[in-house]
């Protein structure tokens, strides 16, 4: 099997950075995935939930999201749905679809 290597940038176009360019780059966030702090908190909550419930954690989070929606607590439902999404995106889509069909 051959191994192929592709350089990150062409060697014919060297990159030169000025002090102003470095200052501008250093002010921009390295993570471009949106609000990293909020996503980190969801991941932390999901991992804690997984530590408590094991392989059934996504299923439990989905059930809690549905129960919260049935009780009329949209905030709690969204919280549990995000935890479910972090653990199992397919299950979360299914739970969200059922909640939409029920009008919650």
C-alpha atoms as a PDB file:
ATOM      1  CA  UNK A   1       0.000   0.000   0.000  1.00  0.00           C
ATOM      2  CA  UNK A   2       1.376   3.374  -0.924  1.00  0.00           C
ATOM      3  CA  UNK A   3       1.324   6.326   1.404  1.00  0.00           C
ATOM      4  CA  UNK A   4       0.454   9.658  -0.117  1.00  0.00           C
ATOM      5  CA  UNK A   5       1.476  12.948   1.363  1.00  0.00           C
ATOM      6  CA  UNK A   6      -0.093  16.281   0.579  1.00  0.00           C
ATOM      7  CA  UNK A   7       1.551  19.378   1.959  1.00  0.00           C
ATOM      8  CA  UNK A   8      -0.598  21.766   3.942  1.00  0.00           C
ATOM      9  CA  UNK A   9       0.332  24.650   1.633  1.00  0.00           C
ATOM     10  CA  UNK A  10       2.156  24.819  -1.651  1.00  0.00           C
ATOM     11  CA  UNK A  11       5.895  25.295  -1.318  1.00  0.00           C
ATOM     12  CA  UNK A  12       5.875  27.781  -4.220  1.00  0.00           C
ATOM     13  CA  UNK A  13       3.844  30.274  -2.158  1.00  0.00           C
ATOM     14  CA  UNK A  14       5.778  30.997   1.033  1.00  0.00           C
ATOM     15  CA  UNK A  15       3.844  32.654   3.796  1.00  0.00           C
ATOM     16  CA  UNK A  16       5.341  35.679   5.460  1.00  0.00           C
ATOM     17  CA  UNK A  17       3.762  37.222   8.498  1.00  0.00           C
ATOM     18  CA  UNK A  18       4.256  40.761   9.641  1.00  0.00           C
ATOM     19  CA  UNK A  19       3.935  41.926  13.232  1.00  0.00           C
ATOM     20  CA  UNK A  20       0.556  43.439  12.405  1.00  0.00           C
ATOM     21  CA  UNK A  21      -0.549  40.162  10.847  1.00  0.00           C
ATOM     22  CA  UNK A  22       0.577  38.184  13.886  1.00  0.00           C
ATOM     23  CA  UNK A  23      -1.257  40.570  16.213  1.00  0.00           C
ATOM     24  CA  UNK A  24      -4.464  40.203  14.162  1.00  0.00           C
ATOM     25  CA  UNK A  25      -4.186  36.416  14.130  1.00  0.00           C
ATOM     26  CA  UNK A  26      -3.549  36.198  17.861  1.00  0.00           C
ATOM     27  CA  UNK A  27      -6.752  38.151  18.599  1.00  0.00           C
ATOM     28  CA  UNK A  28      -8.964  35.750  16.664  1.00  0.00           C
ATOM     29  CA  UNK A  29     -10.276  32.639  18.422  1.00  0.00           C
ATOM     30  CA  UNK A  30      -8.668  29.347  17.498  1.00  0.00           C
ATOM     31  CA  UNK A  31     -11.940  27.439  17.777  1.00  0.00           C
ATOM     32  CA  UNK A  32     -14.375  28.298  14.988  1.00  0.00           C
ATOM     33  CA  UNK A  33     -17.129  25.909  16.101  1.00  0.00           C
ATOM     34  CA  UNK A  34     -19.269  28.622  17.629  1.00  0.00           C
ATOM     35  CA  UNK A  35     -19.710  29.025  21.357  1.00  0.00           C
ATOM     36  CA  UNK A  36     -17.093  26.625  22.655  1.00  0.00           C
ATOM     37  CA  UNK A  37     -17.830  27.357  26.309  1.00  0.00           C
ATOM     38  CA  UNK A  38     -21.459  26.312  26.006  1.00  0.00           C
ATOM     39  CA  UNK A  39     -20.543  23.212  23.975  1.00  0.00           C
ATOM     40  CA  UNK A  40     -17.900  22.276  26.553  1.00  0.00           C
ATOM     41  CA  UNK A  41     -20.517  22.492  29.308  1.00  0.00           C
ATOM     42  CA  UNK A  42     -22.936  20.261  27.364  1.00  0.00           C
ATOM     43  CA  UNK A  43     -20.148  17.743  26.808  1.00  0.00           C
ATOM     44  CA  UNK A  44     -19.219  17.848  30.483  1.00  0.00           C
ATOM     45  CA  UNK A  45     -22.846  17.252  31.497  1.00  0.00           C
ATOM     46  CA  UNK A  46     -23.140  14.426  28.973  1.00  0.00           C
ATOM     47  CA  UNK A  47     -19.999  12.739  30.293  1.00  0.00           C
ATOM     48  CA  UNK A  48     -21.209  13.031  33.879  1.00  0.00           C
ATOM     49  CA  UNK A  49     -24.545  11.540  32.839  1.00  0.00           C
ATOM     50  CA  UNK A  50     -22.709   8.744  31.018  1.00  0.00           C
ATOM     51  CA  UNK A  51     -20.617   8.067  34.121  1.00  0.00           C
ATOM     52  CA  UNK A  52     -23.791   7.677  36.149  1.00  0.00           C
ATOM     53  CA  UNK A  53     -25.908   5.653  33.677  1.00  0.00           C
ATOM     54  CA  UNK A  54     -23.386   3.886  31.465  1.00  0.00           C
ATOM     55  CA  UNK A  55     -24.477   2.676  28.036  1.00  0.00           C
ATOM     56  CA  UNK A  56     -28.091   3.546  28.793  1.00  0.00           C
ATOM     57  CA  UNK A  57     -27.243   7.241  29.288  1.00  0.00           C
ATOM     58  CA  UNK A  58     -28.497   8.450  25.881  1.00  0.00           C
ATOM     59  CA  UNK A  59     -31.751   6.540  26.261  1.00  0.00           C
ATOM     60  CA  UNK A  60     -32.247   7.952  29.762  1.00  0.00           C
ATOM     61  CA  UNK A  61     -31.524  11.509  28.580  1.00  0.00           C
ATOM     62  CA  UNK A  62     -34.060  11.071  25.757  1.00  0.00           C
ATOM     63  CA  UNK A  63     -36.675   9.809  28.215  1.00  0.00           C
ATOM     64  CA  UNK A  64     -36.004  12.753  30.516  1.00  0.00           C
ATOM     65  CA  UNK A  65     -36.342  15.163  27.580  1.00  0.00           C
ATOM     66  CA  UNK A  66     -39.699  13.642  26.648  1.00  0.00           C
ATOM     67  CA  UNK A  67     -40.903  13.681  30.264  1.00  0.00           C
ATOM     68  CA  UNK A  68     -39.895  17.322  30.684  1.00  0.00           C
ATOM     69  CA  UNK A  69     -41.677  18.234  27.453  1.00  0.00           C
ATOM     70  CA  UNK A  70     -44.800  16.395  28.629  1.00  0.00           C
ATOM     71  CA  UNK A  71     -44.657  18.373  31.879  1.00  0.00           C
ATOM     72  CA  UNK A  72     -44.395  21.618  29.882  1.00  0.00           C
ATOM     73  CA  UNK A  73     -40.810  22.409  30.925  1.00  0.00           C
ATOM     74  CA  UNK A  74     -39.250  23.477  27.621  1.00  0.00           C
ATOM     75  CA  UNK A  75     -35.927  24.541  29.191  1.00  0.00           C
ATOM     76  CA  UNK A  76     -35.337  21.213  30.908  1.00  0.00           C
ATOM     77  CA  UNK A  77     -36.455  19.346  27.801  1.00  0.00           C
ATOM     78  CA  UNK A  78     -33.943  21.252  25.653  1.00  0.00           C
ATOM     79  CA  UNK A  79     -31.214  20.564  28.235  1.00  0.00           C
ATOM     80  CA  UNK A  80     -31.824  16.812  28.203  1.00  0.00           C
ATOM     81  CA  UNK A  81     -32.175  16.766  24.446  1.00  0.00           C
ATOM     82  CA  UNK A  82     -28.724  18.407  24.110  1.00  0.00           C
ATOM     83  CA  UNK A  83     -27.225  15.797  26.437  1.00  0.00           C
ATOM     84  CA  UNK A  84     -28.896  13.064  24.395  1.00  0.00           C
ATOM     85  CA  UNK A  85     -27.541  14.659  21.194  1.00  0.00           C
ATOM     86  CA  UNK A  86     -24.012  14.717  22.616  1.00  0.00           C
ATOM     87  CA  UNK A  87     -24.245  11.007  23.433  1.00  0.00           C
ATOM     88  CA  UNK A  88     -26.260   9.708  20.470  1.00  0.00           C
ATOM     89  CA  UNK A  89     -27.241  12.076  17.653  1.00  0.00           C
ATOM     90  CA  UNK A  90     -29.544   9.566  15.936  1.00  0.00           C
ATOM     91  CA  UNK A  91     -31.543   8.931  19.104  1.00  0.00           C
ATOM     92  CA  UNK A  92     -31.776  12.686  19.741  1.00  0.00           C
ATOM     93  CA  UNK A  93     -33.165  13.262  16.225  1.00  0.00           C
ATOM     94  CA  UNK A  94     -35.775  10.598  16.903  1.00  0.00           C
ATOM     95  CA  UNK A  95     -36.765  12.101  20.243  1.00  0.00           C
ATOM     96  CA  UNK A  96     -36.911  15.608  18.749  1.00  0.00           C
ATOM     97  CA  UNK A  97     -39.032  14.319  15.866  1.00  0.00           C
ATOM     98  CA  UNK A  98     -41.502  12.682  18.264  1.00  0.00           C
ATOM     99  CA  UNK A  99     -41.693  15.881  20.328  1.00  0.00           C
ATOM    100  CA  UNK A 100     -42.395  17.949  17.210  1.00  0.00           C
ATOM    101  CA  UNK A 101     -45.102  15.533  16.056  1.00  0.00           C
ATOM    102  CA  UNK A 102     -46.741  15.766  19.487  1.00  0.00           C
ATOM    103  CA  UNK A 103     -46.547  19.552  19.324  1.00  0.00           C
ATOM    104  CA  UNK A 104     -44.200  20.054  22.285  1.00  0.00           C
END
